[in-house]
Amino acid sequence: HTFADDAQIAEYAKSAVAKLYGAGVISGYEDGTFKPKGAITREELVKVLLGAFGIEVDENADVSAFTDAESIKWSAPYIAKAVEKGIIKGYDDGSVKPQNTVTRIEAITMFGRAMSAK
């Protein structure tokens, strides 16, 4: 597969991106791009982690308990499973902030939790 912005993917990352794509863990964006220089959101990283660790989701997951449930669209099954497995935690206000950008420390924490959640 070739993404519209393949030229922006660093050489060292191209084989990993190809493997993840081939395994169905990543698919890119609807516009055919991969956006390798973009920041990743909580919902995007959760989807990648669950896929990478083979954690199945329930497509009919209920996220209505979160105060920002209206902002959780395509990622509802992933967010619900990640919370259930302890990969992500909600905030004090009852939200999960799915579109927030993930920091490096958050990514490392989520990765570690996903490894334990298997």
PDB file of N, CA and C in Angstrom:
ATOM      1  N   HIS A   1       0.840  -1.187   0.000  1.00  0.00           N
ATOM      2  CA  HIS A   1       0.000   0.000   0.000  1.00  0.00           C
ATOM      3  C   HIS A   1       0.875   1.236   0.000  1.00  0.00           C
ATOM      4  N   THR A   2       0.402   2.260  -0.664  1.00  0.00           N
ATOM      5  CA  THR A   2       1.104   3.534  -0.696  1.00  0.00           C
ATOM      6  C   THR A   2       0.159   4.610  -0.177  1.00  0.00           C
ATOM      7  N   PHE A   3       0.620   5.373   0.792  1.00  0.00           N
ATOM      8  CA  PHE A   3      -0.152   6.510   1.283  1.00  0.00           C
ATOM      9  C   PHE A   3       0.175   7.720   0.422  1.00  0.00           C
ATOM     10  N   ALA A   4      -0.743   8.646   0.316  1.00  0.00           N
ATOM     11  CA  ALA A   4      -0.544   9.843  -0.491  1.00  0.00           C
ATOM     12  C   ALA A   4       0.663  10.650  -0.008  1.00  0.00           C
ATOM     13  N   ASP A   5       1.003  10.523   1.255  1.00  0.00           N
ATOM     14  CA  ASP A   5       2.124  11.267   1.823  1.00  0.00           C
ATOM     15  C   ASP A   5       3.284  10.351   2.211  1.00  0.00           C
ATOM     16  N   ASP A   6       3.464   9.256   1.477  1.00  0.00           N
ATOM     17  CA  ASP A   6       4.560   8.308   1.738  1.00  0.00           C
ATOM     18  C   ASP A   6       5.921   8.984   1.834  1.00  0.00           C
ATOM     19  N   ALA A   7       6.139   9.997   1.036  1.00  0.00           N
ATOM     20  CA  ALA A   7       7.437  10.670   1.017  1.00  0.00           C
ATOM     21  C   ALA A   7       7.763  11.313   2.364  1.00  0.00           C
ATOM     22  N   GLN A   8       6.768  11.574   3.175  1.00  0.00           N
ATOM     23  CA  GLN A   8       6.988  12.186   4.481  1.00  0.00           C
ATOM     24  C   GLN A   8       7.307  11.162   5.572  1.00  0.00           C
ATOM     25  N   ILE A   9       7.126   9.874   5.281  1.00  0.00           N
ATOM     26  CA  ILE A   9       7.420   8.837   6.269  1.00  0.00           C
ATOM     27  C   ILE A   9       8.932   8.634   6.300  1.00  0.00           C
ATOM     28  N   ALA A  10       9.519   8.734   7.481  1.00  0.00           N
ATOM     29  CA  ALA A  10      10.967   8.572   7.628  1.00  0.00           C
ATOM     30  C   ALA A  10      11.385   7.180   7.157  1.00  0.00           C
ATOM     31  N   GLU A  11      12.544   7.098   6.548  1.00  0.00           N
ATOM     32  CA  GLU A  11      13.054   5.819   6.030  1.00  0.00           C
ATOM     33  C   GLU A  11      13.056   4.728   7.092  1.00  0.00           C
ATOM     34  N   TYR A  12      13.511   5.075   8.303  1.00  0.00           N
ATOM     35  CA  TYR A  12      13.610   4.066   9.360  1.00  0.00           C
ATOM     36  C   TYR A  12      12.242   3.507   9.761  1.00  0.00           C
ATOM     37  N   ALA A  13      11.163   4.244   9.486  1.00  0.00           N
ATOM     38  CA  ALA A  13       9.829   3.833   9.910  1.00  0.00           C
ATOM     39  C   ALA A  13       9.032   3.126   8.825  1.00  0.00           C
ATOM     40  N   LYS A  14       9.484   3.204   7.580  1.00  0.00           N
ATOM     41  CA  LYS A  14       8.685   2.683   6.467  1.00  0.00           C
ATOM     42  C   LYS A  14       8.354   1.204   6.587  1.00  0.00           C
ATOM     43  N   SER A  15       9.298   0.374   6.998  1.00  0.00           N
ATOM     44  CA  SER A  15       9.007  -1.061   7.088  1.00  0.00           C
ATOM     45  C   SER A  15       8.016  -1.340   8.223  1.00  0.00           C
ATOM     46  N   ALA A  16       8.124  -0.627   9.329  1.00  0.00           N
ATOM     47  CA  ALA A  16       7.188  -0.810  10.437  1.00  0.00           C
ATOM     48  C   ALA A  16       5.784  -0.378  10.030  1.00  0.00           C
ATOM     49  N   VAL A  17       5.686   0.740   9.326  1.00  0.00           N
ATOM     50  CA  VAL A  17       4.388   1.216   8.852  1.00  0.00           C
ATOM     51  C   VAL A  17       3.782   0.187   7.902  1.00  0.00           C
ATOM     52  N   ALA A  18       4.586  -0.357   7.006  1.00  0.00           N
ATOM     53  CA  ALA A  18       4.099  -1.363   6.057  1.00  0.00           C
ATOM     54  C   ALA A  18       3.615  -2.614   6.783  1.00  0.00           C
ATOM     55  N   LYS A  19       4.350  -3.060   7.795  1.00  0.00           N
ATOM     56  CA  LYS A  19       3.944  -4.249   8.562  1.00  0.00           C
ATOM     57  C   LYS A  19       2.654  -4.000   9.322  1.00  0.00           C
ATOM     58  N   LEU A  20       2.545  -2.854   9.952  1.00  0.00           N
ATOM     59  CA  LEU A  20       1.328  -2.531  10.693  1.00  0.00           C
ATOM     60  C   LEU A  20       0.130  -2.410   9.756  1.00  0.00           C
ATOM     61  N   TYR A  21       0.354  -1.840   8.594  1.00  0.00           N
ATOM     62  CA  TYR A  21      -0.722  -1.737   7.604  1.00  0.00           C
ATOM     63  C   TYR A  21      -1.122  -3.141   7.133  1.00  0.00           C
ATOM     64  N   GLY A  22      -0.142  -3.960   6.814  1.00  0.00           N
ATOM     65  CA  GLY A  22      -0.403  -5.317   6.348  1.00  0.00           C
ATOM     66  C   GLY A  22      -1.136  -6.167   7.366  1.00  0.00           C
ATOM     67  N   ALA A  23      -0.885  -5.906   8.643  1.00  0.00           N
ATOM     68  CA  ALA A  23      -1.539  -6.650   9.725  1.00  0.00           C
ATOM     69  C   ALA A  23      -2.911  -6.078  10.068  1.00  0.00           C
ATOM     70  N   GLY A  24      -3.277  -4.966   9.424  1.00  0.00           N
ATOM     71  CA  GLY A  24      -4.579  -4.355   9.689  1.00  0.00           C
ATOM     72  C   GLY A  24      -4.635  -3.518  10.952  1.00  0.00           C
ATOM     73  N   VAL A  25      -3.481  -3.235  11.532  1.00  0.00           N
ATOM     74  CA  VAL A  25      -3.432  -2.444  12.765  1.00  0.00           C
ATOM     75  C   VAL A  25      -3.653  -0.969  12.455  1.00  0.00           C
ATOM     76  N   ILE A  26      -3.114  -0.500  11.346  1.00  0.00           N
ATOM     77  CA  ILE A  26      -3.322   0.881  10.919  1.00  0.00           C
ATOM     78  C   ILE A  26      -3.917   0.873   9.519  1.00  0.00           C
ATOM     79  N   SER A  27      -4.613   1.943   9.188  1.00  0.00           N
ATOM     80  CA  SER A  27      -5.209   2.028   7.855  1.00  0.00           C
ATOM     81  C   SER A  27      -5.028   3.395   7.218  1.00  0.00           C
ATOM     82  N   GLY A  28      -4.535   4.333   7.966  1.00  0.00           N
ATOM     83  CA  GLY A  28      -4.407   5.677   7.437  1.00  0.00           C
ATOM     84  C   GLY A  28      -5.720   6.434   7.570  1.00  0.00           C
ATOM     85  N   TYR A  29      -5.748   7.599   6.970  1.00  0.00           N
ATOM     86  CA  TYR A  29      -6.919   8.462   7.063  1.00  0.00           C
ATOM     87  C   TYR A  29      -7.775   8.338   5.816  1.00  0.00           C
ATOM     88  N   GLU A  30      -9.006   8.802   5.901  1.00  0.00           N
ATOM     89  CA  GLU A  30      -9.954   8.695   4.789  1.00  0.00           C
ATOM     90  C   GLU A  30      -9.451   9.369   3.517  1.00  0.00           C
ATOM     91  N   ASP A  31      -8.589  10.361   3.654  1.00  0.00           N
ATOM     92  CA  ASP A  31      -8.080  11.068   2.476  1.00  0.00           C
ATOM     93  C   ASP A  31      -6.875  10.368   1.845  1.00  0.00           C
ATOM     94  N   GLY A  32      -6.544   9.167   2.336  1.00  0.00           N
ATOM     95  CA  GLY A  32      -5.445   8.397   1.762  1.00  0.00           C
ATOM     96  C   GLY A  32      -4.076   8.731   2.315  1.00  0.00           C
ATOM     97  N   THR A  33      -4.037   9.551   3.355  1.00  0.00           N
ATOM     98  CA  THR A  33      -2.756   9.933   3.955  1.00  0.00           C
ATOM     99  C   THR A  33      -2.479   9.133   5.224  1.00  0.00           C
ATOM    100  N   PHE A  34      -1.246   9.201   5.668  1.00  0.00           N
ATOM    101  CA  PHE A  34      -0.826   8.576   6.913  1.00  0.00           C
ATOM    102  C   PHE A  34      -0.528   9.624   7.979  1.00  0.00           C
ATOM    103  N   LYS A  35      -0.162  10.811   7.561  1.00  0.00           N
ATOM    104  CA  LYS A  35       0.155  11.949   8.430  1.00  0.00           C
ATOM    105  C   LYS A  35       1.253  11.625   9.435  1.00  0.00           C
ATOM    106  N   PRO A  36       2.414  11.188   8.943  1.00  0.00           N
ATOM    107  CA  PRO A  36       3.495  10.789   9.846  1.00  0.00           C
ATOM    108  C   PRO A  36       4.072  11.925  10.688  1.00  0.00           C
ATOM    109  N   LYS A  37       3.858  13.145  10.281  1.00  0.00           N
ATOM    110  CA  LYS A  37       4.390  14.272  11.042  1.00  0.00           C
ATOM    111  C   LYS A  37       3.334  14.875  11.965  1.00  0.00           C
ATOM    112  N   GLY A  38       2.141  14.308  11.948  1.00  0.00           N
ATOM    113  CA  GLY A  38       1.058  14.808  12.787  1.00  0.00           C
ATOM    114  C   GLY A  38       1.096  14.206  14.176  1.00  0.00           C
ATOM    115  N   ALA A  39       0.424  14.850  15.095  1.00  0.00           N
ATOM    116  CA  ALA A  39       0.306  14.331  16.460  1.00  0.00           C
ATOM    117  C   ALA A  39      -0.790  13.268  16.484  1.00  0.00           C
ATOM    118  N   ILE A  40      -0.656  12.305  17.382  1.00  0.00           N
ATOM    119  CA  ILE A  40      -1.658  11.248  17.502  1.00  0.00           C
ATOM    120  C   ILE A  40      -2.584  11.573  18.674  1.00  0.00           C
ATOM    121  N   THR A  41      -3.856  11.273  18.511  1.00  0.00           N
ATOM    122  CA  THR A  41      -4.834  11.539  19.558  1.00  0.00           C
ATOM    123  C   THR A  41      -5.015  10.299  20.434  1.00  0.00           C
ATOM    124  N   ARG A  42      -5.680  10.490  21.552  1.00  0.00           N
ATOM    125  CA  ARG A  42      -5.947   9.371  22.460  1.00  0.00           C
ATOM    126  C   ARG A  42      -6.739   8.275  21.746  1.00  0.00           C
ATOM    127  N   GLU A  43      -7.758   8.662  20.991  1.00  0.00           N
ATOM    128  CA  GLU A  43      -8.578   7.645  20.328  1.00  0.00           C
ATOM    129  C   GLU A  43      -7.794   6.920  19.234  1.00  0.00           C
ATOM    130  N   GLU A  44      -6.927   7.611  18.529  1.00  0.00           N
ATOM    131  CA  GLU A  44      -6.117   6.961  17.494  1.00  0.00           C
ATOM    132  C   GLU A  44      -5.131   5.970  18.107  1.00  0.00           C
ATOM    133  N   LEU A  45      -4.463   6.396  19.173  1.00  0.00           N
ATOM    134  CA  LEU A  45      -3.478   5.514  19.798  1.00  0.00           C
ATOM    135  C   LEU A  45      -4.147   4.295  20.421  1.00  0.00           C
ATOM    136  N   VAL A  46      -5.299   4.491  21.028  1.00  0.00           N
ATOM    137  CA  VAL A  46      -6.028   3.372  21.611  1.00  0.00           C
ATOM    138  C   VAL A  46      -6.372   2.346  20.529  1.00  0.00           C
ATOM    139  N   LYS A  47      -6.837   2.808  19.379  1.00  0.00           N
ATOM    140  CA  LYS A  47      -7.170   1.892  18.285  1.00  0.00           C
ATOM    141  C   LYS A  47      -5.931   1.109  17.843  1.00  0.00           C
ATOM    142  N   VAL A  48      -4.815   1.779  17.692  1.00  0.00           N
ATOM    143  CA  VAL A  48      -3.573   1.122  17.273  1.00  0.00           C
ATOM    144  C   VAL A  48      -3.130   0.106  18.329  1.00  0.00           C
ATOM    145  N   LEU A  49      -3.149   0.489  19.590  1.00  0.00           N
ATOM    146  CA  LEU A  49      -2.693  -0.411  20.653  1.00  0.00           C
ATOM    147  C   LEU A  49      -3.573  -1.652  20.763  1.00  0.00           C
ATOM    148  N   LEU A  50      -4.873  -1.463  20.717  1.00  0.00           N
ATOM    149  CA  LEU A  50      -5.765  -2.619  20.812  1.00  0.00           C
ATOM    150  C   LEU A  50      -5.544  -3.560  19.632  1.00  0.00           C
ATOM    151  N   GLY A  51      -5.378  -2.994  18.447  1.00  0.00           N
ATOM    152  CA  GLY A  51      -5.114  -3.817  17.275  1.00  0.00           C
ATOM    153  C   GLY A  51      -3.780  -4.528  17.353  1.00  0.00           C
ATOM    154  N   ALA A  52      -2.760  -3.811  17.805  1.00  0.00           N
ATOM    155  CA  ALA A  52      -1.417  -4.389  17.893  1.00  0.00           C
ATOM    156  C   ALA A  52      -1.351  -5.529  18.902  1.00  0.00           C
ATOM    157  N   PHE A  53      -2.127  -5.432  19.971  1.00  0.00           N
ATOM    158  CA  PHE A  53      -2.105  -6.467  20.998  1.00  0.00           C
ATOM    159  C   PHE A  53      -3.246  -7.480  20.849  1.00  0.00           C
ATOM    160  N   GLY A  54      -3.986  -7.370  19.762  1.00  0.00           N
ATOM    161  CA  GLY A  54      -5.036  -8.345  19.488  1.00  0.00           C
ATOM    162  C   GLY A  54      -6.179  -8.319  20.484  1.00  0.00           C
ATOM    163  N   ILE A  55      -6.463  -7.159  21.038  1.00  0.00           N
ATOM    164  CA  ILE A  55      -7.562  -7.023  22.000  1.00  0.00           C
ATOM    165  C   ILE A  55      -8.835  -6.685  21.222  1.00  0.00           C
ATOM    166  N   GLU A  56      -9.799  -7.575  21.297  1.00  0.00           N
ATOM    167  CA  GLU A  56     -11.033  -7.401  20.535  1.00  0.00           C
ATOM    168  C   GLU A  56     -11.952  -6.390  21.202  1.00  0.00           C
ATOM    169  N   VAL A  57     -12.729  -5.712  20.366  1.00  0.00           N
ATOM    170  CA  VAL A  57     -13.664  -4.699  20.853  1.00  0.00           C
ATOM    171  C   VAL A  57     -15.095  -5.119  20.558  1.00  0.00           C
ATOM    172  N   ASP A  58     -16.019  -4.509  21.268  1.00  0.00           N
ATOM    173  CA  ASP A  58     -17.444  -4.717  21.047  1.00  0.00           C
ATOM    174  C   ASP A  58     -17.950  -3.530  20.236  1.00  0.00           C
ATOM    175  N   GLU A  59     -18.365  -3.790  19.020  1.00  0.00           N
ATOM    176  CA  GLU A  59     -18.805  -2.697  18.132  1.00  0.00           C
ATOM    177  C   GLU A  59     -20.006  -1.940  18.686  1.00  0.00           C
ATOM    178  N   ASN A  60     -20.736  -2.525  19.613  1.00  0.00           N
ATOM    179  CA  ASN A  60     -21.912  -1.878  20.205  1.00  0.00           C
ATOM    180  C   ASN A  60     -21.619  -1.321  21.596  1.00  0.00           C
ATOM    181  N   ALA A  61     -20.382  -0.977  21.833  1.00  0.00           N
ATOM    182  CA  ALA A  61     -19.967  -0.481  23.152  1.00  0.00           C
ATOM    183  C   ALA A  61     -20.720   0.792  23.520  1.00  0.00           C
ATOM    184  N   ASP A  62     -21.020   0.907  24.801  1.00  0.00           N
ATOM    185  CA  ASP A  62     -21.733   2.066  25.328  1.00  0.00           C
ATOM    186  C   ASP A  62     -20.750   3.005  26.022  1.00  0.00           C
ATOM    187  N   VAL A  63     -20.679   4.217  25.540  1.00  0.00           N
ATOM    188  CA  VAL A  63     -19.796   5.223  26.149  1.00  0.00           C
ATOM    189  C   VAL A  63     -20.598   6.379  26.744  1.00  0.00           C
ATOM    190  N   SER A  64     -21.892   6.173  26.915  1.00  0.00           N
ATOM    191  CA  SER A  64     -22.761   7.258  27.385  1.00  0.00           C
ATOM    192  C   SER A  64     -22.436   7.733  28.801  1.00  0.00           C
ATOM    193  N   ALA A  65     -21.721   6.942  29.565  1.00  0.00           N
ATOM    194  CA  ALA A  65     -21.371   7.345  30.929  1.00  0.00           C
ATOM    195  C   ALA A  65     -20.333   8.466  30.957  1.00  0.00           C
ATOM    196  N   PHE A  66     -19.609   8.672  29.870  1.00  0.00           N
ATOM    197  CA  PHE A  66     -18.593   9.714  29.830  1.00  0.00           C
ATOM    198  C   PHE A  66     -19.234  11.063  29.559  1.00  0.00           C
ATOM    199  N   THR A  67     -18.762  12.096  30.226  1.00  0.00           N
ATOM    200  CA  THR A  67     -19.357  13.419  30.064  1.00  0.00           C
ATOM    201  C   THR A  67     -19.130  13.996  28.672  1.00  0.00           C
ATOM    202  N   ASP A  68     -18.155  13.465  27.947  1.00  0.00           N
ATOM    203  CA  ASP A  68     -17.905  13.934  26.579  1.00  0.00           C
ATOM    204  C   ASP A  68     -18.299  12.857  25.550  1.00  0.00           C
ATOM    205  N   ALA A  69     -19.296  12.055  25.893  1.00  0.00           N
ATOM    206  CA  ALA A  69     -19.732  10.955  25.026  1.00  0.00           C
ATOM    207  C   ALA A  69     -20.093  11.435  23.624  1.00  0.00           C
ATOM    208  N   GLU A  70     -20.619  12.642  23.513  1.00  0.00           N
ATOM    209  CA  GLU A  70     -21.010  13.154  22.187  1.00  0.00           C
ATOM    210  C   GLU A  70     -19.814  13.355  21.265  1.00  0.00           C
ATOM    211  N   SER A  71     -18.633  13.456  21.821  1.00  0.00           N
ATOM    212  CA  SER A  71     -17.440  13.639  20.986  1.00  0.00           C
ATOM    213  C   SER A  71     -16.763  12.301  20.651  1.00  0.00           C
ATOM    214  N   ILE A  72     -17.301  11.218  21.171  1.00  0.00           N
ATOM    215  CA  ILE A  72     -16.742   9.890  20.908  1.00  0.00           C
ATOM    216  C   ILE A  72     -17.585   9.251  19.813  1.00  0.00           C
ATOM    217  N   LYS A  73     -17.104   9.288  18.594  1.00  0.00           N
ATOM    218  CA  LYS A  73     -17.881   8.780  17.456  1.00  0.00           C
ATOM    219  C   LYS A  73     -17.342   7.421  17.025  1.00  0.00           C
ATOM    220  N   TRP A  74     -16.476   7.389  16.027  1.00  0.00           N
ATOM    221  CA  TRP A  74     -15.956   6.145  15.453  1.00  0.00           C
ATOM    222  C   TRP A  74     -15.167   5.326  16.470  1.00  0.00           C
ATOM    223  N   SER A  75     -14.631   5.998  17.482  1.00  0.00           N
ATOM    224  CA  SER A  75     -13.734   5.330  18.429  1.00  0.00           C
ATOM    225  C   SER A  75     -14.437   4.715  19.633  1.00  0.00           C
ATOM    226  N   ALA A  76     -15.755   4.783  19.697  1.00  0.00           N
ATOM    227  CA  ALA A  76     -16.480   4.286  20.876  1.00  0.00           C
ATOM    228  C   ALA A  76     -16.088   2.863  21.278  1.00  0.00           C
ATOM    229  N   PRO A  77     -16.027   1.902  20.352  1.00  0.00           N
ATOM    230  CA  PRO A  77     -15.653   0.547  20.769  1.00  0.00           C
ATOM    231  C   PRO A  77     -14.243   0.473  21.347  1.00  0.00           C
ATOM    232  N   TYR A  78     -13.338   1.263  20.808  1.00  0.00           N
ATOM    233  CA  TYR A  78     -11.945   1.262  21.254  1.00  0.00           C
ATOM    234  C   TYR A  78     -11.784   1.955  22.606  1.00  0.00           C
ATOM    235  N   ILE A  79     -12.448   3.091  22.754  1.00  0.00           N
ATOM    236  CA  ILE A  79     -12.396   3.833  24.013  1.00  0.00           C
ATOM    237  C   ILE A  79     -12.991   2.981  25.132  1.00  0.00           C
ATOM    238  N   ALA A  80     -14.153   2.396  24.890  1.00  0.00           N
ATOM    239  CA  ALA A  80     -14.810   1.585  25.913  1.00  0.00           C
ATOM    240  C   ALA A  80     -13.921   0.421  26.350  1.00  0.00           C
ATOM    241  N   LYS A  81     -13.304  -0.276  25.399  1.00  0.00           N
ATOM    242  CA  LYS A  81     -12.455  -1.416  25.725  1.00  0.00           C
ATOM    243  C   LYS A  81     -11.182  -0.964  26.438  1.00  0.00           C
ATOM    244  N   ALA A  82     -10.612   0.151  25.999  1.00  0.00           N
ATOM    245  CA  ALA A  82      -9.388   0.656  26.636  1.00  0.00           C
ATOM    246  C   ALA A  82      -9.636   1.058  28.081  1.00  0.00           C
ATOM    247  N   VAL A  83     -10.793   1.641  28.355  1.00  0.00           N
ATOM    248  CA  VAL A  83     -11.139   1.991  29.731  1.00  0.00           C
ATOM    249  C   VAL A  83     -11.365   0.713  30.532  1.00  0.00           C
ATOM    250  N   GLU A  84     -12.113  -0.211  29.952  1.00  0.00           N
ATOM    251  CA  GLU A  84     -12.378  -1.490  30.629  1.00  0.00           C
ATOM    252  C   GLU A  84     -11.081  -2.218  31.003  1.00  0.00           C
ATOM    253  N   LYS A  85     -10.108  -2.196  30.089  1.00  0.00           N
ATOM    254  CA  LYS A  85      -8.842  -2.891  30.312  1.00  0.00           C
ATOM    255  C   LYS A  85      -7.833  -2.068  31.119  1.00  0.00           C
ATOM    256  N   GLY A  86      -8.188  -0.812  31.442  1.00  0.00           N
ATOM    257  CA  GLY A  86      -7.294   0.027  32.221  1.00  0.00           C
ATOM    258  C   GLY A  86      -6.167   0.662  31.411  1.00  0.00           C
ATOM    259  N   ILE A  87      -6.294   0.640  30.083  1.00  0.00           N
ATOM    260  CA  ILE A  87      -5.261   1.223  29.228  1.00  0.00           C
ATOM    261  C   ILE A  87      -5.305   2.741  29.304  1.00  0.00           C
ATOM    262  N   ILE A  88      -6.516   3.277  29.355  1.00  0.00           N
ATOM    263  CA  ILE A  88      -6.687   4.711  29.600  1.00  0.00           C
ATOM    264  C   ILE A  88      -7.634   4.873  30.775  1.00  0.00           C
ATOM    265  N   LYS A  89      -7.531   5.993  31.376  1.00  0.00           N
ATOM    266  CA  LYS A  89      -8.409   6.311  32.495  1.00  0.00           C
ATOM    267  C   LYS A  89      -9.137   7.602  32.160  1.00  0.00           C
ATOM    268  N   GLY A  90     -10.303   7.757  32.705  1.00  0.00           N
ATOM    269  CA  GLY A  90     -11.039   8.987  32.512  1.00  0.00           C
ATOM    270  C   GLY A  90     -10.467  10.100  33.379  1.00  0.00           C
ATOM    271  N   TYR A  91     -10.947  11.287  33.138  1.00  0.00           N
ATOM    272  CA  TYR A  91     -10.531  12.457  33.906  1.00  0.00           C
ATOM    273  C   TYR A  91     -11.501  12.688  35.059  1.00  0.00           C
ATOM    274  N   ASP A  92     -11.121  13.552  35.987  1.00  0.00           N
ATOM    275  CA  ASP A  92     -11.945  13.833  37.165  1.00  0.00           C
ATOM    276  C   ASP A  92     -13.346  14.316  36.817  1.00  0.00           C
ATOM    277  N   ASP A  93     -13.486  14.957  35.662  1.00  0.00           N
ATOM    278  CA  ASP A  93     -14.797  15.473  35.259  1.00  0.00           C
ATOM    279  C   ASP A  93     -15.646  14.426  34.542  1.00  0.00           C
ATOM    280  N   GLY A  94     -15.176  13.174  34.493  1.00  0.00           N
ATOM    281  CA  GLY A  94     -15.938  12.098  33.861  1.00  0.00           C
ATOM    282  C   GLY A  94     -15.739  11.977  32.366  1.00  0.00           C
ATOM    283  N   SER A  95     -14.802  12.737  31.818  1.00  0.00           N
ATOM    284  CA  SER A  95     -14.537  12.701  30.378  1.00  0.00           C
ATOM    285  C   SER A  95     -13.341  11.806  30.071  1.00  0.00           C
ATOM    286  N   VAL A  96     -13.171  11.494  28.774  1.00  0.00           N
ATOM    287  CA  VAL A  96     -11.983  10.748  28.333  1.00  0.00           C
ATOM    288  C   VAL A  96     -11.164  11.543  27.325  1.00  0.00           C
ATOM    289  N   LYS A  97     -11.722  12.646  26.832  1.00  0.00           N
ATOM    290  CA  LYS A  97     -11.026  13.552  25.919  1.00  0.00           C
ATOM    291  C   LYS A  97     -10.355  12.793  24.753  1.00  0.00           C
ATOM    292  N   PRO A  98     -11.156  12.125  23.930  1.00  0.00           N
ATOM    293  CA  PRO A  98     -10.603  11.283  22.868  1.00  0.00           C
ATOM    294  C   PRO A  98      -9.785  12.014  21.816  1.00  0.00           C
ATOM    295  N   GLN A  99     -10.068  13.285  21.587  1.00  0.00           N
ATOM    296  CA  GLN A  99      -9.321  14.030  20.569  1.00  0.00           C
ATOM    297  C   GLN A  99      -8.097  14.758  21.117  1.00  0.00           C
ATOM    298  N   ASN A 100      -7.823  14.619  22.397  1.00  0.00           N
ATOM    299  CA  ASN A 100      -6.614  15.241  22.956  1.00  0.00           C
ATOM    300  C   ASN A 100      -5.371  14.592  22.359  1.00  0.00           C
ATOM    301  N   THR A 101      -4.375  15.402  22.116  1.00  0.00           N
ATOM    302  CA  THR A 101      -3.084  14.905  21.638  1.00  0.00           C
ATOM    303  C   THR A 101      -2.386  14.156  22.759  1.00  0.00           C
ATOM    304  N   VAL A 102      -1.753  13.042  22.412  1.00  0.00           N
ATOM    305  CA  VAL A 102      -1.057  12.216  23.390  1.00  0.00           C
ATOM    306  C   VAL A 102       0.384  12.703  23.534  1.00  0.00           C
ATOM    307  N   THR A 103       0.827  12.873  24.763  1.00  0.00           N
ATOM    308  CA  THR A 103       2.226  13.221  25.009  1.00  0.00           C
ATOM    309  C   THR A 103       3.056  11.938  24.977  1.00  0.00           C
ATOM    310  N   ARG A 104       4.358  12.074  24.941  1.00  0.00           N
ATOM    311  CA  ARG A 104       5.219  10.884  24.938  1.00  0.00           C
ATOM    312  C   ARG A 104       5.031  10.049  26.196  1.00  0.00           C
ATOM    313  N   ILE A 105       4.950  10.693  27.335  1.00  0.00           N
ATOM    314  CA  ILE A 105       4.795   9.938  28.579  1.00  0.00           C
ATOM    315  C   ILE A 105       3.442   9.232  28.617  1.00  0.00           C
ATOM    316  N   GLU A 106       2.410   9.880  28.109  1.00  0.00           N
ATOM    317  CA  GLU A 106       1.096   9.230  28.036  1.00  0.00           C
ATOM    318  C   GLU A 106       1.151   8.020  27.108  1.00  0.00           C
ATOM    319  N   ALA A 107       1.828   8.168  25.978  1.00  0.00           N
ATOM    320  CA  ALA A 107       1.950   7.054  25.031  1.00  0.00           C
ATOM    321  C   ALA A 107       2.677   5.877  25.662  1.00  0.00           C
ATOM    322  N   ILE A 108       3.755   6.155  26.369  1.00  0.00           N
ATOM    323  CA  ILE A 108       4.516   5.093  27.034  1.00  0.00           C
ATOM    324  C   ILE A 108       3.657   4.413  28.099  1.00  0.00           C
ATOM    325  N   THR A 109       2.921   5.208  28.853  1.00  0.00           N
ATOM    326  CA  THR A 109       2.045   4.666  29.891  1.00  0.00           C
ATOM    327  C   THR A 109       0.962   3.789  29.270  1.00  0.00           C
ATOM    328  N   MET A 110       0.336   4.273  28.210  1.00  0.00           N
ATOM    329  CA  MET A 110      -0.712   3.502  27.544  1.00  0.00           C
ATOM    330  C   MET A 110      -0.147   2.208  26.961  1.00  0.00           C
ATOM    331  N   PHE A 111       1.028   2.277  26.384  1.00  0.00           N
ATOM    332  CA  PHE A 111       1.665   1.091  25.820  1.00  0.00           C
ATOM    333  C   PHE A 111       1.923   0.056  26.920  1.00  0.00           C
ATOM    334  N   GLY A 112       2.475   0.502  28.034  1.00  0.00           N
ATOM    335  CA  GLY A 112       2.738  -0.401  29.153  1.00  0.00           C
ATOM    336  C   GLY A 112       1.471  -1.046  29.685  1.00  0.00           C
ATOM    337  N   ARG A 113       0.426  -0.253  29.814  1.00  0.00           N
ATOM    338  CA  ARG A 113      -0.852  -0.796  30.277  1.00  0.00           C
ATOM    339  C   ARG A 113      -1.438  -1.788  29.283  1.00  0.00           C
ATOM    340  N   ALA A 114      -1.289  -1.491  27.989  1.00  0.00           N
ATOM    341  CA  ALA A 114      -1.793  -2.408  26.960  1.00  0.00           C
ATOM    342  C   ALA A 114      -1.060  -3.738  27.008  1.00  0.00           C
ATOM    343  N   MET A 115       0.240  -3.699  27.277  1.00  0.00           N
ATOM    344  CA  MET A 115       1.032  -4.932  27.388  1.00  0.00           C
ATOM    345  C   MET A 115       0.514  -5.786  28.544  1.00  0.00           C
ATOM    346  N   SER A 116       0.129  -5.144  29.629  1.00  0.00           N
ATOM    347  CA  SER A 116      -0.382  -5.857  30.803  1.00  0.00           C
ATOM    348  C   SER A 116      -1.829  -6.292  30.641  1.00  0.00           C
ATOM    349  N   ALA A 117      -2.562  -5.626  29.772  1.00  0.00           N
ATOM    350  CA  ALA A 117      -4.003  -5.884  29.615  1.00  0.00           C
ATOM    351  C   ALA A 117      -4.310  -7.117  28.785  1.00  0.00           C
ATOM    352  N   LYS A 118      -3.366  -7.563  28.035  1.00  0.00           N
ATOM    353  CA  LYS A 118      -3.569  -8.693  27.121  1.00  0.00           C
ATOM    354  C   LYS A 118      -4.178  -9.830  27.849  1.00  0.00           C
TER     355      LYS A 118
END
